[in-house]
Amino acid sequence: MGILYYIIKVIITSGLVILVSEIAKKNGILAGLFASVPIVSFLAIIWIYIETKDVKKIAELSNDIFWLVLPSLSFFILFPILLGKNMRFGWAMLLSTVIMIILYSILILLLKRNWS
């Protein structure tokens, strides 16, 4: 795969993030819909398939993504609650992120123990 291929990957991937942020300025529900679709996962799966055609690797990635989505949900539950309690944006973002990272760490330890 050449440099042009990587440039195309960067343009498509970053373009989708920019698109969601621009849509969010006008329509939160529509932006939420686009953001909730696992765009990064879709793109990673597509890029891996194009590059390797290794469907076993893709199936493993898909399974890992499923389990690791669960801790990320804590952020989307806690963050709006903290903002609703008038916590400053930065602190709410930080606390929600730290809790999410802790939950990620716990789940990764559990998964390693069960899959080893």
Protein backbone atom coordinates (compact mmCIF):
# COMPACT_ATOMS: atom_id res chain seq x y z
CA MET A 1 0.00 0.00 0.00
CA GLY A 2 1.42 3.34 -1.02
CA ILE A 3 1.42 6.78 0.50
CA LEU A 4 -1.68 7.77 -1.52
CA TYR A 5 -3.63 4.98 0.19
CA TYR A 6 -2.69 6.31 3.65
CA ILE A 7 -3.57 9.86 2.63
CA ILE A 8 -7.01 8.63 1.49
CA LYS A 9 -7.48 6.83 4.83
CA VAL A 10 -6.62 9.99 6.77
CA ILE A 11 -8.90 12.19 4.64
CA ILE A 12 -11.90 9.85 4.95
CA THR A 13 -11.44 9.22 8.67
CA SER A 14 -10.84 12.84 9.66
CA GLY A 15 -13.54 14.04 7.29
CA LEU A 16 -16.14 11.96 9.12
CA VAL A 17 -15.13 13.40 12.49
CA ILE A 18 -15.33 16.94 11.11
CA LEU A 19 -18.70 16.17 9.52
CA VAL A 20 -20.16 15.01 12.86
CA SER A 21 -18.86 18.08 14.69
CA GLU A 22 -20.31 20.41 12.06
CA ILE A 23 -23.68 18.64 12.08
CA ALA A 24 -23.72 18.90 15.91
CA LYS A 25 -23.72 22.69 15.63
CA LYS A 26 -27.09 22.54 13.86
CA ASN A 27 -28.74 19.28 14.89
CA GLY A 28 -27.73 17.38 18.01
CA ILE A 29 -29.92 14.35 17.36
CA LEU A 30 -28.58 13.85 13.84
CA ALA A 31 -24.99 14.33 15.03
CA GLY A 32 -25.65 11.90 17.88
CA LEU A 33 -26.94 9.37 15.37
CA PHE A 34 -23.80 9.67 13.24
CA ALA A 35 -21.52 9.67 16.29
CA SER A 36 -23.24 6.62 17.79
CA VAL A 37 -22.59 4.56 14.69
CA PRO A 38 -19.26 2.87 15.32
CA ILE A 39 -17.53 4.78 12.52
CA VAL A 40 -14.03 4.13 13.83
CA SER A 41 -14.80 0.42 14.15
CA PHE A 42 -16.30 0.26 10.65
CA LEU A 43 -13.33 2.05 9.15
CA ALA A 44 -10.80 -0.08 11.04
CA ILE A 45 -12.55 -3.27 9.91
CA ILE A 46 -12.67 -2.07 6.31
CA TRP A 47 -9.00 -0.96 6.32
CA ILE A 48 -7.89 -4.29 7.86
CA TYR A 49 -9.90 -6.25 5.32
CA ILE A 50 -8.50 -4.25 2.41
CA GLU A 51 -4.95 -4.64 3.72
CA THR A 52 -4.98 -8.26 4.96
CA LYS A 53 -8.21 -10.05 3.92
CA ASP A 54 -7.83 -11.77 7.33
CA VAL A 55 -11.43 -12.36 8.42
CA LYS A 56 -10.32 -14.19 11.57
CA LYS A 57 -8.45 -11.09 12.73
CA ILE A 58 -11.52 -8.98 11.89
CA ALA A 59 -13.81 -11.31 13.85
CA GLU A 60 -11.49 -11.10 16.88
CA LEU A 61 -11.40 -7.30 16.62
CA SER A 62 -15.19 -7.16 16.39
CA ASN A 63 -15.53 -9.31 19.51
CA ASP A 64 -13.01 -7.18 21.43
CA ILE A 65 -14.81 -4.00 20.35
CA PHE A 66 -18.10 -5.37 21.67
CA TRP A 67 -16.70 -5.95 25.16
CA LEU A 68 -14.77 -2.69 25.26
CA VAL A 69 -17.78 -0.59 24.28
CA LEU A 70 -19.32 -1.37 27.65
CA PRO A 71 -16.95 0.80 29.76
CA SER A 72 -17.31 3.67 27.29
CA LEU A 73 -21.02 3.80 28.08
CA SER A 74 -20.14 4.97 31.60
CA PHE A 75 -18.84 8.23 30.12
CA PHE A 76 -22.11 8.91 28.28
CA ILE A 77 -24.12 8.22 31.41
CA LEU A 78 -21.96 10.13 33.90
CA PHE A 79 -20.96 13.17 31.80
CA PRO A 80 -24.46 14.61 31.26
CA ILE A 81 -25.37 13.89 34.88
CA LEU A 82 -22.38 15.89 36.10
CA LEU A 83 -23.14 18.74 33.71
CA GLY A 84 -26.75 18.68 34.91
CA LYS A 85 -25.45 19.07 38.47
CA ASN A 86 -23.71 22.29 37.29
CA MET A 87 -20.22 20.83 37.41
CA ARG A 88 -17.85 22.82 35.22
CA PHE A 89 -17.37 21.33 31.76
CA GLY A 90 -13.66 20.57 32.20
CA TRP A 91 -14.12 18.86 35.55
CA ALA A 92 -17.10 16.85 34.30
CA MET A 93 -15.11 15.78 31.25
CA LEU A 94 -12.09 14.84 33.37
CA LEU A 95 -14.03 12.91 36.02
CA SER A 96 -16.13 11.05 33.44
CA THR A 97 -13.01 10.16 31.48
CA VAL A 98 -11.07 8.98 34.55
CA ILE A 99 -13.94 6.73 35.62
CA MET A 100 -14.24 5.38 32.08
CA ILE A 101 -10.49 4.62 32.01
CA ILE A 102 -10.72 2.84 35.37
CA LEU A 103 -13.58 0.72 34.06
CA TYR A 104 -11.63 0.00 30.86
CA SER A 105 -8.66 -1.13 32.96
CA ILE A 106 -10.80 -3.43 35.08
CA LEU A 107 -12.50 -4.98 32.05
CA ILE A 108 -9.20 -5.48 30.21
CA LEU A 109 -7.77 -7.26 33.27
CA LEU A 110 -10.85 -9.48 33.45
CA LEU A 111 -10.74 -10.24 29.74
CA LYS A 112 -7.03 -11.07 29.83
CA ARG A 113 -7.61 -13.41 32.76
CA ASN A 114 -10.51 -15.18 31.03
CA TRP A 115 -8.95 -15.30 27.54
CA SER A 116 -5.44 -16.35 28.58
